[in-house]
Amino acid sequence: MIILTGGAGFIGTNTLIALNRMGCDDVIVVDNIAATDKWKNLVGAAFRQYIHKDRLWQWLAERPSASLEAVIHLGACTDTMETDFDYLAENNLRYSQRLWQLCTEKQIPFVYASSAATYGDGTGGFSDNHSQIHRYRPINPYGLSKHLFDLWALKQSDAPSRWYGLKFFNVYGPYENHKGRMASVAYFAIPQALEKGRIRLFKSGRPDYGDGEQKRDFVFVGDVVSIAIHFLNNAAPSGIYNAGSGRAQTFNRLATAIFSALQKPVNIEYFDMPESLMGSYQYFTEADMSKIVEAGYHYQPTSLEDGIHRYCDWLLEYRSKNR
């Protein structure tokens, strides 16, 4: 039995689908679906049971002899604009610590979602070397909540049998429809290109970056799921690993890839960035993927153009089924 937190969310749904394709359906999906559209992500998926995140501990206490094989912890508050740090600390730090302790007691693998937001503005680089982790300075409360758990994990002498913290970069792809303002730029840009024939991007607020030339490490969701499954199934050295494409690419290139996939002429419009974002906006992210390769993972990331083409196909089919 595998516990999958955030199992009805974006990366969680894709992970559940991947587990199903491997023949694994003995999965406890832990989430907080409430009145959101996340329930749609579970339609057609195979799993043992759904449990609200706040009821997990009681459920486990009632089943002390349950045969638990691993925990994949993808559940969190992922809103980079959330300002209530106590809320973030409860959901992203303390909840993760309890799961760590569970995996330590049972001596089972623990795979959890960290974030590239822990790197801050990027001036300190993007190395997942443990000796560098303490140097990073997140620029929003969400990033700090994730960073604090990374730091805590590295200090623990009592640990799960194997543990892996995956620093997800700018993930895009199917099943992020419910994410609202936290969905990827691709999710918002594809309908703009379809319906209005243009894509709107932020103007640059820095002289060293042209409009739309801000760079992010865009990574297809299937690639980060493959990384998580790899660590679940292989005894690589425990620790924190980057999960990106390893290549920074501009928003202009992302938009161009969308127009190409939809067979439409390129038409990009730039608008001013909201003031609320200016102090916490990352102009450049690029995962250093050397450590994961050294750990034995033969990584071949999906190209931006291929990933966007697959995402466009999926979104078009989804929209046609949900009109």
Protein backbone atom coordinates (compact mmCIF):
# COMPACT_ATOMS: atom_id res chain seq x y z
CA MET A 1 0.00 0.00 0.00
CA ILE A 2 1.26 3.45 -0.96
CA ILE A 3 0.08 6.73 0.54
CA LEU A 4 -0.09 9.46 -2.11
CA THR A 5 -0.78 12.90 -0.66
CA GLY A 6 -2.00 15.52 -3.09
CA GLY A 7 -3.21 12.54 -5.09
CA ALA A 8 -6.08 14.49 -6.68
CA GLY A 9 -3.87 17.44 -7.55
CA PHE A 10 -1.80 18.24 -10.62
CA ILE A 11 1.39 16.22 -10.19
CA GLY A 12 -0.40 13.81 -7.87
CA THR A 13 -2.97 12.82 -10.50
CA ASN A 14 -0.24 12.22 -13.06
CA THR A 15 1.63 10.13 -10.48
CA LEU A 16 -1.49 8.06 -9.75
CA ILE A 17 -1.95 7.44 -13.47
CA ALA A 18 1.70 6.35 -13.74
CA LEU A 19 1.29 3.97 -10.79
CA ASN A 20 -1.83 2.50 -12.39
CA ARG A 21 0.08 1.91 -15.63
CA MET A 22 2.64 -0.03 -13.57
CA GLY A 23 -0.18 -2.22 -12.28
CA CYS A 24 -0.33 -0.54 -8.87
CA ASP A 25 -3.77 0.42 -7.56
CA ASP A 26 -3.23 -0.23 -3.83
CA VAL A 27 -2.99 3.51 -3.28
CA ILE A 28 -4.47 5.69 -0.56
CA VAL A 29 -5.22 9.08 -2.11
CA VAL A 30 -4.91 11.82 0.51
CA ASP A 31 -6.10 15.30 -0.41
CA ASN A 32 -8.47 18.14 0.37
CA ILE A 33 -10.85 18.18 -2.58
CA ALA A 34 -13.67 20.15 -0.93
CA ALA A 35 -15.74 22.05 -3.53
CA THR A 36 -12.98 22.25 -6.16
CA ASP A 37 -12.93 20.49 -9.52
CA LYS A 38 -10.14 18.18 -8.36
CA TRP A 39 -12.66 15.35 -8.08
CA LYS A 40 -12.65 15.20 -11.89
CA ASN A 41 -9.00 14.18 -11.81
CA LEU A 42 -9.89 10.94 -10.03
CA VAL A 43 -12.50 9.85 -12.58
CA GLY A 44 -11.21 6.67 -14.21
CA ALA A 45 -8.25 6.29 -11.84
CA ALA A 46 -7.79 3.13 -9.77
CA PHE A 47 -7.03 3.49 -6.06
CA ARG A 48 -7.94 1.84 -2.77
CA GLN A 49 -9.47 4.77 -0.90
CA TYR A 50 -9.71 8.55 -0.71
CA ILE A 51 -9.02 10.17 2.68
CA HIS A 52 -9.21 13.84 3.61
CA LYS A 53 -5.76 15.06 4.66
CA ASP A 54 -6.90 15.91 8.20
CA ARG A 55 -8.30 12.41 8.76
CA LEU A 56 -5.18 10.51 7.70
CA TRP A 57 -3.71 10.23 11.19
CA GLN A 58 -6.89 8.77 12.68
CA TRP A 59 -7.18 6.37 9.76
CA LEU A 60 -3.62 5.15 10.35
CA ALA A 61 -4.15 4.88 14.11
CA GLU A 62 -7.12 2.60 13.50
CA ARG A 63 -4.93 0.35 11.30
CA PRO A 64 -1.65 -0.11 13.20
CA SER A 65 -0.81 -3.28 11.29
CA ALA A 66 -1.50 -1.85 7.83
CA SER A 67 1.15 -2.92 5.33
CA LEU A 68 2.52 0.41 4.16
CA GLU A 69 5.20 0.28 1.46
CA ALA A 70 5.97 3.97 0.80
CA VAL A 71 4.73 7.54 1.03
CA ILE A 72 4.76 9.93 -1.92
CA HIS A 73 4.08 13.35 -0.42
CA LEU A 74 2.94 15.85 -3.06
CA GLY A 75 0.22 17.56 -1.05
CA ALA A 76 0.85 21.16 0.03
CA CYS A 77 -0.35 24.70 -0.21
CA THR A 78 1.37 25.67 -3.48
CA ASP A 79 0.15 29.25 -3.69
CA THR A 80 3.28 31.37 -4.11
CA MET A 81 1.19 34.45 -3.26
CA GLU A 82 -0.14 33.10 0.05
CA THR A 83 0.84 35.50 2.86
CA ASP A 84 -0.35 33.57 5.94
CA PHE A 85 2.88 31.95 7.02
CA ASP A 86 1.30 30.09 9.95
CA TYR A 87 -1.03 28.38 7.46
CA LEU A 88 1.90 27.52 5.19
CA ALA A 89 3.99 26.23 8.09
CA GLU A 90 1.17 23.95 9.24
CA ASN A 91 0.53 22.50 5.78
CA ASN A 92 4.00 22.51 4.22
CA LEU A 93 6.30 22.05 7.20
CA ARG A 94 4.63 20.33 10.14
CA TYR A 95 2.48 17.98 8.02
CA SER A 96 5.62 16.91 6.16
CA GLN A 97 7.44 16.33 9.44
CA ARG A 98 4.69 13.99 10.63
CA LEU A 99 4.90 11.98 7.43
CA TRP A 100 8.67 11.82 7.77
CA GLN A 101 8.26 10.44 11.27
CA LEU A 102 5.74 7.86 10.02
CA CYS A 103 8.16 6.65 7.34
CA THR A 104 11.00 6.60 9.87
CA GLU A 105 9.01 4.44 12.30
CA LYS A 106 8.06 2.00 9.55
CA GLN A 107 11.41 2.24 7.74
CA ILE A 108 9.86 2.78 4.33
CA PRO A 109 10.75 5.14 1.45
CA PHE A 110 9.60 8.76 1.55
CA VAL A 111 9.45 10.87 -1.64
CA TYR A 112 8.35 14.47 -1.15
CA ALA A 113 7.85 17.63 -3.20
CA SER A 114 10.20 20.50 -2.53
CA SER A 115 10.26 23.46 -4.90
CA ALA A 116 12.52 25.67 -7.02
CA ALA A 117 10.95 28.54 -5.07
CA THR A 118 13.44 27.67 -2.32
CA TYR A 119 16.23 29.11 -4.52
CA GLY A 120 14.90 32.64 -4.23
CA ASP A 121 15.94 35.10 -6.94
CA GLY A 122 18.50 32.69 -8.35
CA THR A 123 21.57 34.80 -7.60
CA GLY A 124 22.90 31.95 -5.45
CA GLY A 125 22.53 29.43 -8.25
CA PHE A 126 20.41 26.29 -8.50
CA SER A 127 22.61 23.55 -7.12
CA ASP A 128 21.00 20.72 -5.14
CA ASN A 129 24.30 19.97 -3.42
CA HIS A 130 23.51 19.58 0.29
CA SER A 131 26.40 21.83 1.29
CA GLN A 132 24.73 24.69 -0.59
CA ILE A 133 21.11 24.34 0.58
CA HIS A 134 21.49 26.56 3.66
CA ARG A 135 22.73 29.45 1.51
CA TYR A 136 19.48 29.99 -0.40
CA ARG A 137 17.13 32.82 0.47
CA PRO A 138 13.50 32.32 -0.65
CA ILE A 139 11.65 35.48 -1.68
CA ASN A 140 8.12 34.46 -0.70
CA PRO A 141 6.48 32.71 2.28
CA TYR A 142 5.69 29.59 0.23
CA GLY A 143 9.32 29.18 -0.75
CA LEU A 144 10.42 29.60 2.86
CA SER A 145 7.96 26.95 4.10
CA LYS A 146 9.45 24.45 1.64
CA HIS A 147 13.01 25.54 2.40
CA LEU A 148 12.56 25.04 6.12
CA PHE A 149 11.50 21.44 5.62
CA ASP A 150 14.50 20.77 3.37
CA LEU A 151 16.80 22.16 6.07
CA TRP A 152 15.02 20.15 8.77
CA ALA A 153 15.26 16.93 6.75
CA LEU A 154 18.99 17.33 6.24
CA LYS A 155 19.54 17.62 9.99
CA GLN A 156 17.69 14.43 10.97
CA SER A 157 19.70 11.50 12.28
CA ASP A 158 16.58 9.32 12.36
CA ALA A 159 15.28 8.98 8.84
CA PRO A 160 13.13 6.81 6.55
CA SER A 161 14.80 3.82 4.89
CA ARG A 162 15.29 6.06 1.83
CA TRP A 163 14.15 9.63 1.31
CA TYR A 164 14.11 12.04 -1.64
CA GLY A 165 13.14 15.69 -1.76
CA LEU A 166 12.40 16.77 -5.33
CA LYS A 167 12.77 20.45 -6.17
CA PHE A 168 10.14 20.88 -8.88
CA PHE A 169 10.79 23.71 -11.32
CA ASN A 170 8.14 25.18 -13.67
CA VAL A 171 5.97 22.14 -14.27
CA TYR A 172 3.24 22.20 -16.91
CA GLY A 173 0.90 19.63 -18.42
CA PRO A 174 -2.40 17.76 -18.04
CA TYR A 175 -4.63 17.85 -14.95
CA GLU A 176 -3.79 21.33 -13.65
CA ASN A 177 -7.23 22.74 -14.53
CA HIS A 178 -8.22 23.16 -10.87
CA LYS A 179 -5.16 25.24 -9.88
CA GLY A 180 -6.62 28.66 -10.62
CA ARG A 181 -4.03 31.45 -10.57
CA MET A 182 -1.29 28.94 -9.70
CA ALA A 183 -1.68 26.99 -12.95
CA SER A 184 1.22 27.18 -15.41
CA VAL A 185 1.62 29.98 -17.93
CA ALA A 186 1.00 27.39 -20.66
CA TYR A 187 -2.41 26.58 -19.18
CA PHE A 188 -3.53 30.20 -19.54
CA ALA A 189 -1.73 30.87 -22.82
CA ILE A 190 -3.17 28.00 -24.84
CA PRO A 191 -6.83 29.18 -24.58
CA GLN A 192 -5.70 32.76 -25.34
CA ALA A 193 -4.07 31.59 -28.56
CA LEU A 194 -7.10 29.49 -29.46
CA GLU A 195 -9.82 32.02 -28.73
CA LYS A 196 -8.16 35.40 -29.28
CA GLY A 197 -5.26 34.62 -31.57
CA ARG A 198 -2.74 36.17 -29.20
CA ILE A 199 -0.87 35.42 -25.99
CA ARG A 200 -0.26 38.02 -23.27
CA LEU A 201 3.03 37.96 -21.37
CA PHE A 202 4.52 40.15 -18.65
CA LYS A 203 6.72 43.02 -19.68
CA SER A 204 10.16 42.91 -18.16
CA GLY A 205 10.83 45.12 -15.18
CA ARG A 206 14.60 44.83 -15.54
CA PRO A 207 16.87 46.37 -18.19
CA ASP A 208 18.88 43.15 -18.57
CA TYR A 209 15.82 41.22 -19.77
CA GLY A 210 13.72 42.14 -22.79
CA ASP A 211 9.94 41.71 -22.71
CA GLY A 212 9.14 38.01 -22.72
CA GLU A 213 12.83 37.17 -22.44
CA GLN A 214 12.54 36.20 -18.79
CA LYS A 215 13.69 32.58 -18.53
CA ARG A 216 12.29 29.61 -16.66
CA ASP A 217 13.07 25.93 -16.52
CA PHE A 218 9.82 24.65 -18.03
CA VAL A 219 9.45 20.92 -17.41
CA PHE A 220 6.72 18.58 -18.64
CA VAL A 221 4.78 16.92 -15.82
CA GLY A 222 5.49 13.43 -17.16
CA ASP A 223 9.21 14.04 -16.65
CA VAL A 224 8.95 14.93 -12.95
CA VAL A 225 6.61 11.99 -12.37
CA SER A 226 9.21 9.69 -13.97
CA ILE A 227 11.80 11.06 -11.55
CA ALA A 228 9.54 10.41 -8.54
CA ILE A 229 8.78 6.86 -9.70
CA HIS A 230 12.48 6.22 -10.31
CA PHE A 231 13.33 7.11 -6.73
CA LEU A 232 10.40 5.08 -5.45
CA ASN A 233 11.68 1.97 -7.20
CA ASN A 234 15.46 2.40 -7.01
CA ALA A 235 17.79 2.64 -4.04
CA ALA A 236 19.65 5.80 -5.02
CA PRO A 237 21.42 7.82 -2.30
CA SER A 238 18.91 9.65 -0.12
CA GLY A 239 18.76 13.41 -0.37
CA ILE A 240 17.47 16.47 -2.20
CA TYR A 241 17.39 16.46 -5.99
CA ASN A 242 16.41 18.98 -8.63
CA ALA A 243 13.50 18.03 -10.89
CA GLY A 244 13.56 20.25 -13.95
CA SER A 245 14.51 20.06 -17.60
CA GLY A 246 17.98 21.42 -16.98
CA ARG A 247 17.48 24.20 -19.53
CA ALA A 248 16.20 27.75 -19.04
CA GLN A 249 13.97 28.94 -21.90
CA THR A 250 12.19 32.21 -22.52
CA PHE A 251 8.48 32.88 -22.23
CA ASN A 252 8.65 34.06 -25.83
CA ARG A 253 9.80 30.60 -26.87
CA LEU A 254 7.02 29.02 -24.83
CA ALA A 255 4.46 31.20 -26.60
CA THR A 256 5.98 30.44 -29.99
CA ALA A 257 5.78 26.70 -29.26
CA ILE A 258 2.08 27.08 -28.45
CA PHE A 259 1.32 28.92 -31.69
CA SER A 260 3.26 26.29 -33.62
CA ALA A 261 1.38 23.41 -31.97
CA LEU A 262 -1.94 25.09 -32.77
CA GLN A 263 -0.78 26.03 -36.29
CA LYS A 264 -1.43 29.72 -35.70
CA PRO A 265 0.71 32.79 -36.47
CA VAL A 266 2.80 34.17 -33.61
CA ASN A 267 1.11 37.13 -31.91
CA ILE A 268 2.49 38.13 -28.49
CA GLU A 269 1.26 41.11 -26.47
CA TYR A 270 3.10 42.41 -23.41
CA PHE A 271 1.55 44.02 -20.34
CA ASP A 272 2.81 45.44 -17.06
CA MET A 273 3.54 43.06 -14.24
CA PRO A 274 1.32 43.56 -11.16
CA GLU A 275 3.11 45.42 -8.38
CA SER A 276 2.28 42.59 -5.97
CA LEU A 277 4.56 40.28 -7.98
CA MET A 278 7.52 42.58 -8.57
CA GLY A 279 9.37 41.77 -5.37
CA SER A 280 8.94 38.00 -5.64
CA TYR A 281 9.25 37.39 -9.37
CA GLN A 282 11.95 35.00 -10.58
CA TYR A 283 13.55 36.20 -13.83
CA PHE A 284 15.66 33.10 -14.30
CA THR A 285 15.48 29.48 -13.16
CA GLU A 286 17.50 26.54 -14.45
CA ALA A 287 17.87 23.21 -12.68
CA ASP A 288 21.34 21.77 -12.31
CA MET A 289 20.54 18.13 -13.13
CA SER A 290 24.05 16.71 -12.75
CA LYS A 291 23.42 15.21 -9.32
CA ILE A 292 20.46 13.10 -10.39
CA VAL A 293 22.43 11.78 -13.37
CA GLU A 294 25.29 10.86 -11.05
CA ALA A 295 22.75 9.02 -8.89
CA GLY A 296 22.02 6.69 -11.81
CA TYR A 297 19.00 8.29 -13.45
CA HIS A 298 19.32 8.38 -17.25
CA TYR A 299 17.43 11.59 -17.84
CA GLN A 300 16.11 12.58 -21.26
CA PRO A 301 13.73 15.51 -20.69
CA THR A 302 10.85 16.17 -23.03
CA SER A 303 11.62 19.10 -25.34
CA LEU A 304 9.55 22.23 -24.77
CA GLU A 305 8.04 21.96 -28.25
CA ASP A 306 7.07 18.28 -27.80
CA GLY A 307 5.69 18.84 -24.31
CA ILE A 308 3.61 21.82 -25.41
CA HIS A 309 2.29 19.90 -28.43
CA ARG A 310 1.19 17.03 -26.17
CA TYR A 311 -0.37 19.47 -23.70
CA CYS A 312 -2.27 21.30 -26.45
CA ASP A 313 -3.65 17.99 -27.74
CA TRP A 314 -4.74 17.02 -24.22
CA LEU A 315 -6.37 20.38 -23.48
CA LEU A 316 -8.26 20.39 -26.79
CA GLU A 317 -9.62 16.93 -26.07
CA TYR A 318 -10.49 17.88 -22.48
CA ARG A 319 -12.32 21.03 -23.59
CA SER A 320 -14.31 19.09 -26.18
CA LYS A 321 -15.45 16.59 -23.53
CA ASN A 322 -16.33 19.23 -20.92
CA ARG A 323 -18.26 21.85 -22.87
